Amino acid sequence: MSDQNTASPLFKVSRKGKEIGEYDAESIQSMLASGILNGTEHCWQVGFKNWVPLASMFEVATKPEEPTAKENHKEAARPPAAATPGGKLLSPTVIANLSLLFGPFWGAYFVSKNWEAAGEGARARSSMLWLTIGLPVSVAAWFATGVPATFPWIISGVLGLLPTLAWYYMDAKKQMTKFKADGIEVFGASWITPIVIGLTILSGIIFLGVAWEARK
């Protein structure tokens, strides 16, 4: 008689309006954990006025959300991590910012090297045109007019800032947008060589400018 009084109370369980069995709390929790019950069922026991959702009485294991079709498409479009060349690249955003100091030709060279490392040969050659064509033209214009246009704006002033902005929108920003679309967010290439080259260019331009002025 004592065992009967201390037995766990039983719950009647129904699914879609049809009673499927009568179980104690421990059994119900076990069936929820194993997936036999999914939590959408209802239960009732003596003392209840109405049937109540099983999920309101017991802990229901939640399934991880399945990715949407849009997320699946984005994941499929993203290149495999092993194929992402981020470790060989410089951040195009940092290149663009430092070009305000070192000039657009410096920036064009390293944007071109980025394209090359990413396997974009045609774009690398296009970026290099800013250097191979623009630099000789600028040097010739400098010696002809005495104005170092398109060189670092800290030397040439606003006149040098405008070509830098043109290069940014026509070249650098395209790379920033492409890398972002490809999911390339980590850039591991060293900045030591680019900074040394930039400082060398800046020093050389200052030296040439002073030497040119001294000849007058």
N, C-alpha and C. Protein backbone atom coordinates (compact mmCIF):
# COMPACT_ATOMS: atom_id res chain seq x y z
N MET A 1 0.83 -1.20 0.00
CA MET A 1 0.00 0.00 0.00
C MET A 1 0.86 1.24 0.00
N SER A 2 2.00 1.23 0.74
CA SER A 2 2.90 2.37 0.82
C SER A 2 3.53 2.66 -0.53
N ASP A 3 3.92 1.58 -1.28
CA ASP A 3 4.55 1.75 -2.59
C ASP A 3 3.60 2.43 -3.57
N GLN A 4 2.29 2.09 -3.50
CA GLN A 4 1.32 2.64 -4.40
C GLN A 4 1.13 4.13 -4.14
N ASN A 5 1.20 4.53 -2.84
CA ASN A 5 0.99 5.92 -2.50
C ASN A 5 2.17 6.80 -2.92
N THR A 6 3.37 6.20 -2.91
CA THR A 6 4.56 7.00 -3.22
C THR A 6 4.93 6.95 -4.70
N ALA A 7 4.17 6.19 -5.51
CA ALA A 7 4.48 6.10 -6.94
C ALA A 7 4.30 7.46 -7.61
N SER A 8 5.15 7.73 -8.64
CA SER A 8 5.06 8.99 -9.35
C SER A 8 3.71 9.09 -10.06
N PRO A 9 3.09 10.28 -10.03
CA PRO A 9 1.80 10.43 -10.71
C PRO A 9 1.98 10.26 -12.21
N LEU A 10 0.99 9.68 -12.85
CA LEU A 10 1.06 9.43 -14.28
C LEU A 10 0.38 10.55 -15.07
N PHE A 11 0.94 10.78 -16.24
CA PHE A 11 0.37 11.78 -17.15
C PHE A 11 -0.19 11.05 -18.37
N LYS A 12 -1.39 11.43 -18.75
CA LYS A 12 -1.91 10.96 -20.03
C LYS A 12 -1.36 11.89 -21.12
N VAL A 13 -0.89 11.31 -22.20
CA VAL A 13 -0.28 12.10 -23.27
C VAL A 13 -1.10 11.91 -24.55
N SER A 14 -1.38 13.03 -25.22
CA SER A 14 -2.12 12.96 -26.48
C SER A 14 -1.36 13.70 -27.56
N ARG A 15 -1.56 13.22 -28.78
CA ARG A 15 -0.95 13.88 -29.94
C ARG A 15 -2.03 14.07 -31.00
N LYS A 16 -2.21 15.34 -31.39
CA LYS A 16 -3.24 15.68 -32.37
C LYS A 16 -4.61 15.19 -31.96
N GLY A 17 -4.88 15.32 -30.65
CA GLY A 17 -6.21 14.97 -30.13
C GLY A 17 -6.41 13.51 -29.83
N LYS A 18 -5.39 12.67 -30.09
CA LYS A 18 -5.53 11.24 -29.85
C LYS A 18 -4.60 10.81 -28.73
N GLU A 19 -5.18 10.17 -27.70
CA GLU A 19 -4.38 9.74 -26.55
C GLU A 19 -3.44 8.62 -26.98
N ILE A 20 -2.13 8.77 -26.64
CA ILE A 20 -1.15 7.78 -27.09
C ILE A 20 -0.54 6.98 -25.95
N GLY A 21 -0.85 7.35 -24.70
CA GLY A 21 -0.32 6.56 -23.60
C GLY A 21 -0.35 7.31 -22.28
N GLU A 22 0.10 6.60 -21.24
CA GLU A 22 0.11 7.15 -19.89
C GLU A 22 1.48 6.86 -19.29
N TYR A 23 2.21 7.92 -18.88
CA TYR A 23 3.59 7.76 -18.47
C TYR A 23 3.88 8.61 -17.23
N ASP A 24 4.93 8.20 -16.50
CA ASP A 24 5.35 9.06 -15.40
C ASP A 24 6.27 10.16 -15.94
N ALA A 25 6.59 11.14 -15.08
CA ALA A 25 7.36 12.31 -15.52
C ALA A 25 8.73 11.91 -16.05
N GLU A 26 9.38 10.96 -15.41
CA GLU A 26 10.73 10.56 -15.83
C GLU A 26 10.71 9.95 -17.22
N SER A 27 9.70 9.14 -17.50
CA SER A 27 9.59 8.51 -18.82
C SER A 27 9.32 9.54 -19.90
N ILE A 28 8.46 10.51 -19.58
CA ILE A 28 8.16 11.55 -20.56
C ILE A 28 9.41 12.35 -20.90
N GLN A 29 10.18 12.71 -19.85
CA GLN A 29 11.39 13.48 -20.09
C GLN A 29 12.39 12.71 -20.93
N SER A 30 12.48 11.41 -20.69
CA SER A 30 13.38 10.56 -21.46
C SER A 30 12.95 10.48 -22.92
N MET A 31 11.63 10.37 -23.15
CA MET A 31 11.14 10.30 -24.52
C MET A 31 11.31 11.62 -25.26
N LEU A 32 11.24 12.72 -24.54
CA LEU A 32 11.50 14.01 -25.16
C LEU A 32 12.96 14.13 -25.57
N ALA A 33 13.84 13.64 -24.70
CA ALA A 33 15.27 13.72 -24.99
C ALA A 33 15.66 12.85 -26.18
N SER A 34 14.96 11.70 -26.33
CA SER A 34 15.31 10.77 -27.41
C SER A 34 14.59 11.08 -28.72
N GLY A 35 13.59 11.98 -28.64
CA GLY A 35 12.88 12.35 -29.86
C GLY A 35 11.59 11.58 -30.09
N ILE A 36 11.27 10.64 -29.19
CA ILE A 36 10.00 9.92 -29.35
C ILE A 36 8.83 10.89 -29.21
N LEU A 37 8.96 11.80 -28.26
CA LEU A 37 8.01 12.91 -28.14
C LEU A 37 8.74 14.18 -28.56
N ASN A 38 8.02 15.10 -29.21
CA ASN A 38 8.69 16.30 -29.71
C ASN A 38 8.26 17.59 -29.02
N GLY A 39 7.38 17.49 -28.02
CA GLY A 39 6.98 18.68 -27.29
C GLY A 39 5.71 19.33 -27.80
N THR A 40 5.23 18.87 -28.96
CA THR A 40 3.97 19.46 -29.48
C THR A 40 2.74 18.73 -28.90
N GLU A 41 2.98 17.66 -28.17
CA GLU A 41 1.88 16.90 -27.59
C GLU A 41 1.26 17.65 -26.41
N HIS A 42 0.15 17.13 -25.90
CA HIS A 42 -0.50 17.66 -24.71
C HIS A 42 -0.53 16.58 -23.63
N CYS A 43 -0.65 17.01 -22.38
CA CYS A 43 -0.71 16.05 -21.28
C CYS A 43 -1.79 16.45 -20.27
N TRP A 44 -2.18 15.44 -19.50
CA TRP A 44 -3.21 15.66 -18.46
C TRP A 44 -2.98 14.68 -17.34
N GLN A 45 -3.24 15.11 -16.11
CA GLN A 45 -3.23 14.20 -14.98
C GLN A 45 -4.31 14.62 -14.00
N VAL A 46 -4.56 13.79 -13.04
CA VAL A 46 -5.60 14.08 -12.05
C VAL A 46 -5.32 15.41 -11.37
N GLY A 47 -6.33 16.25 -11.32
CA GLY A 47 -6.18 17.58 -10.73
C GLY A 47 -6.13 18.68 -11.75
N PHE A 48 -5.82 18.32 -13.04
CA PHE A 48 -5.79 19.33 -14.10
C PHE A 48 -7.21 19.61 -14.56
N LYS A 49 -7.53 20.84 -14.85
CA LYS A 49 -8.83 21.18 -15.40
C LYS A 49 -8.87 20.89 -16.90
N ASN A 50 -7.73 21.12 -17.57
CA ASN A 50 -7.67 20.93 -19.02
C ASN A 50 -6.35 20.28 -19.40
N TRP A 51 -6.29 19.81 -20.63
CA TRP A 51 -5.03 19.32 -21.19
C TRP A 51 -4.10 20.52 -21.41
N VAL A 52 -2.84 20.33 -21.14
CA VAL A 52 -1.88 21.43 -21.29
C VAL A 52 -0.75 20.99 -22.22
N PRO A 53 -0.10 21.94 -22.90
CA PRO A 53 1.02 21.57 -23.78
C PRO A 53 2.13 20.87 -23.00
N LEU A 54 2.65 19.84 -23.57
CA LEU A 54 3.73 19.09 -22.92
C LEU A 54 4.93 19.99 -22.66
N ALA A 55 5.19 20.90 -23.60
CA ALA A 55 6.35 21.77 -23.49
C ALA A 55 6.24 22.72 -22.31
N SER A 56 5.01 22.94 -21.79
CA SER A 56 4.85 23.83 -20.65
C SER A 56 5.13 23.12 -19.33
N MET A 57 5.25 21.81 -19.39
CA MET A 57 5.48 21.02 -18.18
C MET A 57 6.88 20.40 -18.12
N PHE A 58 7.47 20.18 -19.29
CA PHE A 58 8.74 19.47 -19.35
C PHE A 58 9.73 20.22 -20.23
N GLU A 59 11.00 19.92 -20.03
CA GLU A 59 12.05 20.54 -20.83
C GLU A 59 12.14 19.83 -22.17
N VAL A 60 12.03 20.61 -23.24
CA VAL A 60 12.04 20.05 -24.58
C VAL A 60 13.37 20.37 -25.25
N ALA A 61 14.01 19.34 -25.80
CA ALA A 61 15.28 19.55 -26.50
C ALA A 61 15.01 20.34 -27.77
N THR A 62 15.78 21.42 -27.97
CA THR A 62 15.59 22.26 -29.15
C THR A 62 16.53 21.83 -30.26
N LYS A 63 16.02 21.82 -31.46
CA LYS A 63 16.85 21.48 -32.62
C LYS A 63 17.53 22.73 -33.14
N PRO A 64 18.77 22.61 -33.59
CA PRO A 64 19.42 23.79 -34.18
C PRO A 64 18.66 24.27 -35.41
N GLU A 65 18.58 25.59 -35.56
CA GLU A 65 17.86 26.15 -36.70
C GLU A 65 18.56 25.78 -38.00
N GLU A 66 17.75 25.34 -38.96
CA GLU A 66 18.31 25.01 -40.26
C GLU A 66 18.55 26.30 -41.05
N PRO A 67 19.66 26.39 -41.76
CA PRO A 67 19.93 27.61 -42.53
C PRO A 67 18.89 27.82 -43.60
N THR A 68 18.57 29.08 -43.85
CA THR A 68 17.61 29.41 -44.88
C THR A 68 18.24 29.21 -46.25
N ALA A 69 17.38 29.24 -47.28
CA ALA A 69 17.89 29.07 -48.65
C ALA A 69 18.87 30.16 -49.00
N LYS A 70 18.60 31.39 -48.50
CA LYS A 70 19.49 32.51 -48.78
C LYS A 70 20.85 32.29 -48.15
N GLU A 71 20.85 31.79 -46.90
CA GLU A 71 22.13 31.54 -46.21
C GLU A 71 22.90 30.42 -46.89
N ASN A 72 22.16 29.39 -47.36
CA ASN A 72 22.82 28.30 -48.07
C ASN A 72 23.48 28.80 -49.35
N HIS A 73 22.80 29.71 -50.05
CA HIS A 73 23.34 30.26 -51.29
C HIS A 73 24.61 31.06 -51.01
N LYS A 74 24.57 31.89 -49.94
CA LYS A 74 25.74 32.69 -49.60
C LYS A 74 26.92 31.80 -49.22
N GLU A 75 26.62 30.71 -48.48
CA GLU A 75 27.70 29.82 -48.06
C GLU A 75 28.30 29.10 -49.25
N ALA A 76 27.42 28.72 -50.22
CA ALA A 76 27.93 28.04 -51.41
C ALA A 76 28.78 28.97 -52.26
N ALA A 77 28.42 30.25 -52.27
CA ALA A 77 29.16 31.22 -53.08
C ALA A 77 30.48 31.59 -52.47
N ARG A 78 30.61 31.43 -51.14
CA ARG A 78 31.85 31.80 -50.46
C ARG A 78 32.95 30.81 -50.81
N PRO A 79 34.12 31.26 -51.18
CA PRO A 79 35.20 30.33 -51.52
C PRO A 79 35.67 29.58 -50.29
N PRO A 80 36.16 28.33 -50.47
CA PRO A 80 36.66 27.55 -49.34
C PRO A 80 37.76 28.30 -48.61
N ALA A 81 37.84 28.08 -47.29
CA ALA A 81 38.83 28.80 -46.49
C ALA A 81 40.25 28.55 -46.98
N ALA A 82 40.48 27.31 -47.44
CA ALA A 82 41.84 26.98 -47.89
C ALA A 82 42.22 27.75 -49.14
N ALA A 83 41.16 28.18 -49.92
CA ALA A 83 41.45 28.88 -51.16
C ALA A 83 41.55 30.38 -50.98
N THR A 84 41.26 30.86 -49.78
CA THR A 84 41.30 32.30 -49.53
C THR A 84 42.74 32.74 -49.31
N PRO A 85 43.25 33.68 -50.13
CA PRO A 85 44.67 34.04 -50.07
C PRO A 85 44.96 35.17 -49.09
N GLY A 86 44.14 35.29 -48.04
CA GLY A 86 44.29 36.43 -47.14
C GLY A 86 45.66 36.57 -46.52
N GLY A 87 46.36 35.44 -46.32
CA GLY A 87 47.68 35.50 -45.71
C GLY A 87 48.73 36.14 -46.59
N LYS A 88 48.44 36.26 -47.91
CA LYS A 88 49.39 36.86 -48.85
C LYS A 88 49.03 38.29 -49.21
N LEU A 89 47.98 38.81 -48.60
CA LEU A 89 47.45 40.11 -49.02
C LEU A 89 47.67 41.20 -47.98
N LEU A 90 47.71 42.42 -48.48
CA LEU A 90 47.68 43.61 -47.63
C LEU A 90 46.25 44.14 -47.62
N SER A 91 45.85 44.74 -46.54
CA SER A 91 44.51 45.31 -46.47
C SER A 91 44.38 46.46 -47.47
N PRO A 92 43.44 46.39 -48.43
CA PRO A 92 43.29 47.49 -49.38
C PRO A 92 42.83 48.78 -48.71
N THR A 93 42.14 48.66 -47.58
CA THR A 93 41.71 49.86 -46.85
C THR A 93 42.92 50.59 -46.29
N VAL A 94 43.86 49.84 -45.73
CA VAL A 94 45.08 50.46 -45.19
C VAL A 94 45.93 51.02 -46.32
N ILE A 95 45.98 50.31 -47.46
CA ILE A 95 46.72 50.83 -48.62
C ILE A 95 46.17 52.19 -49.02
N ALA A 96 44.84 52.28 -49.10
CA ALA A 96 44.21 53.55 -49.50
C ALA A 96 44.53 54.66 -48.52
N ASN A 97 44.48 54.35 -47.23
CA ASN A 97 44.77 55.37 -46.21
C ASN A 97 46.22 55.84 -46.28
N LEU A 98 47.15 54.90 -46.42
CA LEU A 98 48.56 55.27 -46.47
C LEU A 98 48.92 55.99 -47.78
N SER A 99 48.10 55.81 -48.80
CA SER A 99 48.35 56.50 -50.06
C SER A 99 48.20 58.01 -49.92
N LEU A 100 47.48 58.44 -48.90
CA LEU A 100 47.41 59.87 -48.62
C LEU A 100 48.77 60.41 -48.21
N LEU A 101 49.58 59.54 -47.64
CA LEU A 101 50.94 59.92 -47.23
C LEU A 101 51.96 59.65 -48.33
N PHE A 102 51.88 58.45 -48.92
CA PHE A 102 52.91 58.02 -49.86
C PHE A 102 52.54 58.28 -51.32
N GLY A 103 51.32 58.64 -51.60
CA GLY A 103 50.92 58.95 -52.96
C GLY A 103 50.20 57.81 -53.66
N PRO A 104 49.41 58.12 -54.70
CA PRO A 104 48.62 57.09 -55.39
C PRO A 104 49.45 56.08 -56.17
N PHE A 105 50.66 56.44 -56.59
CA PHE A 105 51.47 55.48 -57.34
C PHE A 105 51.95 54.36 -56.42
N TRP A 106 52.29 54.73 -55.20
CA TRP A 106 52.63 53.70 -54.20
C TRP A 106 51.43 52.80 -53.98
N GLY A 107 50.25 53.40 -53.81
CA GLY A 107 49.04 52.62 -53.59
C GLY A 107 48.71 51.72 -54.77
N ALA A 108 48.87 52.25 -55.99
CA ALA A 108 48.55 51.47 -57.18
C ALA A 108 49.44 50.24 -57.28
N TYR A 109 50.70 50.38 -56.91
CA TYR A 109 51.62 49.24 -56.98
C TYR A 109 51.17 48.12 -56.05
N PHE A 110 50.80 48.46 -54.81
CA PHE A 110 50.45 47.41 -53.85
C PHE A 110 49.04 46.88 -54.06
N VAL A 111 48.15 47.69 -54.62
CA VAL A 111 46.85 47.15 -55.02
C VAL A 111 47.06 46.13 -56.15
N SER A 112 47.98 46.45 -57.07
CA SER A 112 48.29 45.52 -58.15
C SER A 112 48.87 44.21 -57.62
N LYS A 113 49.75 44.31 -56.63
CA LYS A 113 50.34 43.11 -56.04
C LYS A 113 49.28 42.27 -55.33
N ASN A 114 48.29 42.94 -54.74
CA ASN A 114 47.18 42.22 -54.12
C ASN A 114 46.38 41.43 -55.16
N TRP A 115 46.07 42.09 -56.28
CA TRP A 115 45.33 41.41 -57.34
C TRP A 115 46.12 40.20 -57.83
N GLU A 116 47.41 40.38 -57.97
CA GLU A 116 48.27 39.30 -58.45
C GLU A 116 48.24 38.11 -57.49
N ALA A 117 48.33 38.39 -56.18
CA ALA A 117 48.30 37.32 -55.19
C ALA A 117 46.95 36.62 -55.15
N ALA A 118 45.89 37.34 -55.52
CA ALA A 118 44.55 36.76 -55.53
C ALA A 118 44.22 36.06 -56.84
N GLY A 119 45.19 36.02 -57.76
CA GLY A 119 44.98 35.34 -59.02
C GLY A 119 44.20 36.14 -60.04
N GLU A 120 44.16 37.48 -59.85
CA GLU A 120 43.42 38.36 -60.77
C GLU A 120 44.42 39.11 -61.65
N GLY A 121 44.98 38.41 -62.63
CA GLY A 121 46.03 38.98 -63.46
C GLY A 121 45.61 40.22 -64.24
N ALA A 122 44.41 40.18 -64.84
CA ALA A 122 43.95 41.31 -65.65
C ALA A 122 43.77 42.55 -64.80
N ARG A 123 43.23 42.38 -63.62
CA ARG A 123 43.04 43.53 -62.73
C ARG A 123 44.38 44.04 -62.20
N ALA A 124 45.33 43.13 -62.01
CA ALA A 124 46.66 43.55 -61.57
C ALA A 124 47.31 44.46 -62.62
N ARG A 125 47.17 44.07 -63.89
CA ARG A 125 47.76 44.88 -64.96
C ARG A 125 47.05 46.22 -65.09
N SER A 126 45.74 46.22 -64.89
CA SER A 126 44.98 47.47 -64.95
C SER A 126 45.42 48.44 -63.85
N SER A 127 45.61 47.92 -62.63
CA SER A 127 46.06 48.78 -61.53
C SER A 127 47.46 49.30 -61.77
N MET A 128 48.31 48.48 -62.39
CA MET A 128 49.70 48.89 -62.63
C MET A 128 49.80 50.02 -63.64
N LEU A 129 48.74 50.22 -64.46
CA LEU A 129 48.77 51.32 -65.43
C LEU A 129 48.85 52.67 -64.74
N TRP A 130 48.28 52.76 -63.52
CA TRP A 130 48.38 54.01 -62.77
C TRP A 130 49.85 54.36 -62.50
N LEU A 131 50.66 53.33 -62.35
CA LEU A 131 52.08 53.55 -62.07
C LEU A 131 52.89 53.70 -63.35
N THR A 132 52.71 52.78 -64.30
CA THR A 132 53.56 52.77 -65.49
C THR A 132 53.28 53.93 -66.44
N ILE A 133 52.04 54.40 -66.46
CA ILE A 133 51.71 55.55 -67.31
C ILE A 133 51.66 56.84 -66.52
N GLY A 134 51.02 56.78 -65.37
CA GLY A 134 50.82 57.99 -64.57
C GLY A 134 52.10 58.59 -64.03
N LEU A 135 53.03 57.74 -63.58
CA LEU A 135 54.25 58.26 -62.97
C LEU A 135 55.12 59.05 -63.96
N PRO A 136 55.42 58.49 -65.16
CA PRO A 136 56.22 59.29 -66.10
C PRO A 136 55.54 60.60 -66.50
N VAL A 137 54.22 60.55 -66.69
CA VAL A 137 53.50 61.77 -67.05
C VAL A 137 53.61 62.80 -65.94
N SER A 138 53.50 62.35 -64.71
CA SER A 138 53.56 63.26 -63.57
C SER A 138 54.95 63.86 -63.40
N VAL A 139 55.98 63.02 -63.59
CA VAL A 139 57.35 63.53 -63.49
C VAL A 139 57.61 64.58 -64.56
N ALA A 140 57.15 64.29 -65.77
CA ALA A 140 57.35 65.25 -66.87
C ALA A 140 56.61 66.56 -66.58
N ALA A 141 55.38 66.44 -66.06
CA ALA A 141 54.61 67.64 -65.75
C ALA A 141 55.27 68.42 -64.62
N TRP A 142 55.85 67.72 -63.68
CA TRP A 142 56.51 68.38 -62.55
C TRP A 142 57.68 69.24 -63.04
N PHE A 143 58.53 68.63 -63.88
CA PHE A 143 59.71 69.36 -64.34
C PHE A 143 59.33 70.47 -65.34
N ALA A 144 58.17 70.29 -66.01
CA ALA A 144 57.75 71.31 -66.96
C ALA A 144 57.09 72.50 -66.29
N THR A 145 56.38 72.24 -65.22
CA THR A 145 55.60 73.30 -64.57
C THR A 145 56.12 73.68 -63.18
N GLY A 146 56.91 72.81 -62.61
CA GLY A 146 57.38 73.05 -61.24
C GLY A 146 56.37 72.66 -60.19
N VAL A 147 55.23 72.05 -60.59
CA VAL A 147 54.18 71.62 -59.64
C VAL A 147 54.16 70.10 -59.57
N PRO A 148 54.44 69.52 -58.41
CA PRO A 148 54.49 68.05 -58.28
C PRO A 148 53.09 67.44 -58.19
N ALA A 149 52.26 67.66 -59.21
CA ALA A 149 50.90 67.13 -59.20
C ALA A 149 50.90 65.61 -59.16
N THR A 150 49.89 65.04 -58.47
CA THR A 150 49.66 63.60 -58.26
C THR A 150 50.70 62.96 -57.34
N PHE A 151 51.63 63.74 -56.83
CA PHE A 151 52.52 63.20 -55.82
C PHE A 151 51.85 63.35 -54.45
N PRO A 152 52.42 62.78 -53.39
CA PRO A 152 51.77 62.86 -52.08
C PRO A 152 51.27 64.28 -51.78
N TRP A 153 50.02 64.35 -51.33
CA TRP A 153 49.39 65.66 -51.19
C TRP A 153 50.06 66.52 -50.11
N ILE A 154 50.82 65.87 -49.20
CA ILE A 154 51.52 66.68 -48.19
C ILE A 154 52.62 67.53 -48.84
N ILE A 155 53.02 67.13 -50.09
CA ILE A 155 54.00 67.90 -50.85
C ILE A 155 53.31 68.80 -51.87
N SER A 156 52.34 68.22 -52.59
CA SER A 156 51.72 68.96 -53.69
C SER A 156 50.43 69.67 -53.30
N GLY A 157 49.98 69.48 -52.05
CA GLY A 157 48.77 70.17 -51.60
C GLY A 157 47.51 69.59 -52.22
N VAL A 158 46.48 70.43 -52.33
CA VAL A 158 45.19 69.98 -52.84
C VAL A 158 45.30 69.43 -54.25
N LEU A 159 46.20 69.99 -55.04
CA LEU A 159 46.39 69.54 -56.41
C LEU A 159 46.80 68.07 -56.46
N GLY A 160 47.51 67.62 -55.44
CA GLY A 160 47.90 66.22 -55.38
C GLY A 160 46.83 65.35 -54.74
N LEU A 161 45.95 65.95 -53.95
CA LEU A 161 44.89 65.19 -53.29
C LEU A 161 43.82 64.74 -54.28
N LEU A 162 43.52 65.56 -55.26
CA LEU A 162 42.46 65.23 -56.22
C LEU A 162 42.77 63.96 -57.02
N PRO A 163 43.99 63.81 -57.59
CA PRO A 163 44.30 62.55 -58.29
C PRO A 163 44.29 61.35 -57.34
N THR A 164 44.67 61.56 -56.09
CA THR A 164 44.64 60.47 -55.13
C THR A 164 43.21 59.98 -54.92
N LEU A 165 42.28 60.92 -54.83
CA LEU A 165 40.88 60.55 -54.68
C LEU A 165 40.36 59.85 -55.93
N ALA A 166 40.79 60.31 -57.09
CA ALA A 166 40.38 59.67 -58.35
C ALA A 166 40.87 58.22 -58.38
N TRP A 167 42.14 58.02 -57.99
CA TRP A 167 42.69 56.66 -57.95
C TRP A 167 41.93 55.79 -56.96
N TYR A 168 41.56 56.38 -55.81
CA TYR A 168 40.85 55.61 -54.79
C TYR A 168 39.53 55.07 -55.34
N TYR A 169 38.73 55.93 -55.95
CA TYR A 169 37.41 55.51 -56.43
C TYR A 169 37.48 54.62 -57.67
N MET A 170 38.50 54.81 -58.50
CA MET A 170 38.59 54.06 -59.74
C MET A 170 39.38 52.76 -59.62
N ASP A 171 40.14 52.62 -58.53
CA ASP A 171 41.01 51.44 -58.42
C ASP A 171 40.92 50.78 -57.04
N ALA A 172 41.32 51.50 -56.02
CA ALA A 172 41.40 50.89 -54.69
C ALA A 172 40.05 50.41 -54.17
N LYS A 173 39.02 51.22 -54.35
CA LYS A 173 37.71 50.86 -53.80
C LYS A 173 37.15 49.60 -54.45
N LYS A 174 37.48 49.39 -55.73
CA LYS A 174 37.03 48.17 -56.40
C LYS A 174 37.60 46.93 -55.71
N GLN A 175 38.86 47.03 -55.29
CA GLN A 175 39.47 45.89 -54.61
C GLN A 175 38.85 45.68 -53.23
N MET A 176 38.59 46.77 -52.52
CA MET A 176 37.96 46.66 -51.22
C MET A 176 36.61 45.97 -51.33
N THR A 177 35.82 46.36 -52.34
CA THR A 177 34.50 45.77 -52.53
C THR A 177 34.59 44.30 -52.92
N LYS A 178 35.52 43.96 -53.81
CA LYS A 178 35.68 42.57 -54.27
C LYS A 178 36.11 41.67 -53.13
N PHE A 179 37.09 42.09 -52.35
CA PHE A 179 37.56 41.25 -51.25
C PHE A 179 36.46 41.03 -50.21
N LYS A 180 35.69 42.08 -49.95
CA LYS A 180 34.59 41.95 -48.99
C LYS A 180 33.56 40.96 -49.50
N ALA A 181 33.22 41.02 -50.79
CA ALA A 181 32.25 40.09 -51.37
C ALA A 181 32.76 38.65 -51.33
N ASP A 182 34.08 38.47 -51.44
CA ASP A 182 34.67 37.13 -51.42
C ASP A 182 34.89 36.62 -50.01
N GLY A 183 34.55 37.43 -49.01
CA GLY A 183 34.72 37.01 -47.62
C GLY A 183 36.15 37.08 -47.12
N ILE A 184 37.01 37.83 -47.81
CA ILE A 184 38.40 37.98 -47.37
C ILE A 184 38.44 39.10 -46.34
N GLU A 185 38.62 38.76 -45.09
CA GLU A 185 38.56 39.74 -44.01
C GLU A 185 39.85 39.82 -43.20
N VAL A 186 40.71 38.81 -43.35
CA VAL A 186 41.97 38.78 -42.60
C VAL A 186 43.12 38.90 -43.59
N PHE A 187 44.01 39.85 -43.34
CA PHE A 187 45.13 40.10 -44.24
C PHE A 187 46.43 39.91 -43.47
N GLY A 188 47.24 38.93 -43.94
CA GLY A 188 48.40 38.55 -43.14
C GLY A 188 49.75 38.96 -43.68
N ALA A 189 49.80 39.63 -44.82
CA ALA A 189 51.09 40.02 -45.38
C ALA A 189 51.77 41.10 -44.53
N SER A 190 53.08 41.07 -44.49
CA SER A 190 53.85 42.03 -43.69
C SER A 190 53.84 43.41 -44.32
N TRP A 191 53.80 44.43 -43.45
CA TRP A 191 53.80 45.81 -43.91
C TRP A 191 55.21 46.42 -43.90
N ILE A 192 56.21 45.68 -43.49
CA ILE A 192 57.55 46.26 -43.37
C ILE A 192 58.06 46.78 -44.71
N THR A 193 58.05 45.93 -45.73
CA THR A 193 58.55 46.34 -47.06
C THR A 193 57.74 47.49 -47.65
N PRO A 194 56.40 47.44 -47.64
CA PRO A 194 55.64 48.58 -48.19
C PRO A 194 55.94 49.90 -47.49
N ILE A 195 56.09 49.88 -46.17
CA ILE A 195 56.37 51.11 -45.43
C ILE A 195 57.75 51.65 -45.78
N VAL A 196 58.74 50.74 -45.87
CA VAL A 196 60.10 51.15 -46.22
C VAL A 196 60.10 51.76 -47.63
N ILE A 197 59.41 51.13 -48.56
CA ILE A 197 59.34 51.67 -49.92
C ILE A 197 58.66 53.03 -49.93
N GLY A 198 57.59 53.17 -49.18
CA GLY A 198 56.87 54.45 -49.11
C GLY A 198 57.73 55.56 -48.56
N LEU A 199 58.45 55.28 -47.50
CA LEU A 199 59.31 56.30 -46.90
C LEU A 199 60.46 56.66 -47.84
N THR A 200 60.95 55.66 -48.56
CA THR A 200 62.02 55.91 -49.53
C THR A 200 61.52 56.83 -50.65
N ILE A 201 60.32 56.53 -51.15
CA ILE A 201 59.74 57.37 -52.22
C ILE A 201 59.54 58.80 -51.72
N LEU A 202 59.00 58.92 -50.52
CA LEU A 202 58.72 60.24 -49.96
C LEU A 202 60.02 61.03 -49.79
N SER A 203 61.04 60.37 -49.27
CA SER A 203 62.33 61.04 -49.09
C SER A 203 62.94 61.44 -50.43
N GLY A 204 62.81 60.55 -51.44
CA GLY A 204 63.36 60.85 -52.75
C GLY A 204 62.67 62.04 -53.41
N ILE A 205 61.34 62.12 -53.25
CA ILE A 205 60.60 63.24 -53.84
C ILE A 205 61.02 64.55 -53.17
N ILE A 206 61.15 64.51 -51.84
CA ILE A 206 61.56 65.72 -51.13
C ILE A 206 62.96 66.15 -51.57
N PHE A 207 63.87 65.16 -51.71
CA PHE A 207 65.23 65.47 -52.14
C PHE A 207 65.24 66.08 -53.54
N LEU A 208 64.49 65.48 -54.47
CA LEU A 208 64.44 66.01 -55.83
C LEU A 208 63.84 67.41 -55.87
N GLY A 209 62.82 67.61 -55.03
CA GLY A 209 62.19 68.92 -54.98
C GLY A 209 63.15 69.99 -54.50
N VAL A 210 63.90 69.67 -53.46
CA VAL A 210 64.87 70.63 -52.93
C VAL A 210 65.97 70.89 -53.95
N ALA A 211 66.45 69.81 -54.61
CA ALA A 211 67.51 69.96 -55.62
C ALA A 211 67.03 70.79 -56.80
N TRP A 212 65.80 70.60 -57.20
CA TRP A 212 65.26 71.36 -58.32
C TRP A 212 65.14 72.84 -57.99
N GLU A 213 64.70 73.11 -56.78
CA GLU A 213 64.56 74.50 -56.35
C GLU A 213 65.95 75.17 -56.24
N ALA A 214 66.95 74.39 -55.84
CA ALA A 214 68.30 74.94 -55.68
C ALA A 214 68.91 75.36 -57.02
N ARG A 215 68.43 74.75 -58.12
CA ARG A 215 68.98 75.08 -59.43
C ARG A 215 68.48 76.44 -59.94
N LYS A 216 67.36 76.90 -59.38
CA LYS A 216 66.79 78.16 -59.87
C LYS A 216 67.60 79.36 -59.42
